[in-house]
Protein backbone atom coordinates (compact mmCIF):
# COMPACT_ATOMS: atom_id res chain seq x y z
CA UNK A 1 0.00 0.00 0.00
CA UNK A 2 1.13 3.56 -0.68
CA UNK A 3 1.88 5.95 2.18
CA UNK A 4 0.35 9.45 2.37
CA UNK A 5 2.23 12.01 4.48
CA UNK A 6 1.42 15.64 5.29
CA UNK A 7 3.91 18.28 6.42
CA UNK A 8 3.74 19.73 9.91
CA UNK A 9 2.58 23.14 8.70
CA UNK A 10 -0.56 21.49 7.25
CA UNK A 11 -1.08 19.45 10.41
CA UNK A 12 -1.33 22.70 12.38
CA UNK A 13 -4.51 23.52 10.45
CA UNK A 14 -6.13 20.12 9.96
CA UNK A 15 -5.59 16.70 11.50
CA UNK A 16 -3.99 14.51 8.86
CA UNK A 17 -1.87 11.65 10.20
CA UNK A 18 0.32 9.53 7.95
CA UNK A 19 -1.69 6.60 6.57
CA UNK A 20 -1.34 3.72 4.17
CA UNK A 21 -3.83 3.74 1.29
CA UNK A 22 -4.70 1.71 -1.78
CA UNK A 23 -5.11 3.07 -5.29
CA UNK A 24 -3.22 2.99 -8.58
CA UNK A 25 -3.66 6.72 -9.29
CA UNK A 26 -3.27 9.79 -7.13
CA UNK A 27 -7.05 10.37 -7.31
CA UNK A 28 -7.79 6.85 -6.03
CA UNK A 29 -5.17 7.05 -3.27
CA UNK A 30 -6.37 10.45 -2.04
CA UNK A 31 -10.02 9.36 -2.23
CA UNK A 32 -9.11 6.42 0.01
CA UNK A 33 -7.34 8.74 2.46
CA UNK A 34 -10.14 11.33 2.47
CA UNK A 35 -12.91 8.75 3.08
CA UNK A 36 -12.12 9.10 6.76
CA UNK A 37 -10.97 12.71 6.67
CA UNK A 38 -13.26 15.02 4.69
CA UNK A 39 -11.82 18.12 6.35
CA UNK A 40 -8.38 17.35 4.92
CA UNK A 41 -9.97 16.90 1.46
CA UNK A 42 -11.28 20.46 1.56
CA UNK A 43 -7.89 21.76 2.60
CA UNK A 44 -5.99 19.99 -0.21
CA UNK A 45 -8.52 19.92 -3.07
CA UNK A 46 -10.86 22.60 -4.39
CA UNK A 47 -14.59 22.19 -5.10
CA UNK A 48 -13.83 20.62 -8.50
CA UNK A 49 -11.44 18.07 -6.99
CA UNK A 50 -8.28 19.78 -8.28
CA UNK A 51 -5.20 20.42 -6.17
CA UNK A 52 -5.48 23.87 -4.60
CA UNK A 53 -2.98 26.45 -5.86
CA UNK A 54 -1.22 26.69 -2.50
CA UNK A 55 -0.66 22.92 -2.31
CA UNK A 56 2.04 20.77 -3.90
CA UNK A 57 2.00 16.97 -4.02
CA UNK A 58 4.95 14.69 -4.74
CA UNK A 59 4.86 10.99 -5.55
CA UNK A 60 8.17 9.30 -4.79
CA UNK A 61 9.92 12.68 -4.89
CA UNK A 62 8.45 13.74 -8.25
CA UNK A 63 6.01 16.66 -8.43
CA UNK A 64 2.53 15.65 -9.58
CA UNK A 65 1.93 16.64 -13.20
CA UNK A 66 -1.85 16.29 -13.44
CA UNK A 67 -3.14 18.82 -10.88
CA UNK A 68 -6.70 18.62 -12.27
CA UNK A 69 -7.41 14.95 -13.01
CA UNK A 70 -4.93 13.51 -10.47
CA UNK A 71 -4.15 10.70 -12.91
CA UNK A 72 -0.47 10.33 -11.93
CA UNK A 73 0.42 6.69 -11.27
CA UNK A 74 0.87 5.42 -7.71
CA UNK A 75 2.72 2.16 -7.04
CA UNK A 76 1.94 -0.07 -4.05
CA UNK A 77 5.14 1.09 -2.32
CA UNK A 78 4.88 4.78 -3.29
CA UNK A 79 5.18 7.67 -0.87
CA UNK A 80 2.82 10.60 -1.45
CA UNK A 81 3.94 13.83 0.20
CA UNK A 82 1.41 16.66 0.55
CA UNK A 83 3.06 20.03 1.07
CA UNK A 84 1.71 23.54 1.50
CA UNK A 85 3.59 25.91 -0.78
CA UNK A 86 5.02 28.75 1.27
CA UNK A 87 5.63 32.23 -0.03
CA UNK A 88 6.88 35.46 1.34
CA UNK A 89 9.90 37.63 1.40
């Protein structure tokens, strides 16, 4: 099963522990994770199910390419890292 991890700065806003999930695409893996955590879904994805602009997701260290359809492949041993993009000066 793939592992979904959230950075600490996200965990300050919404409870989102590291969990193992099934799914062969990012959409399927996140849907599995969010089944038990709808609040985290709203923090990461917009109303159309796309990755919010202030969020970045990596699968095995590679930035997700399909931010709208979430069709990027996930392997059974993949690590999915959800990161809040930080800005400022």
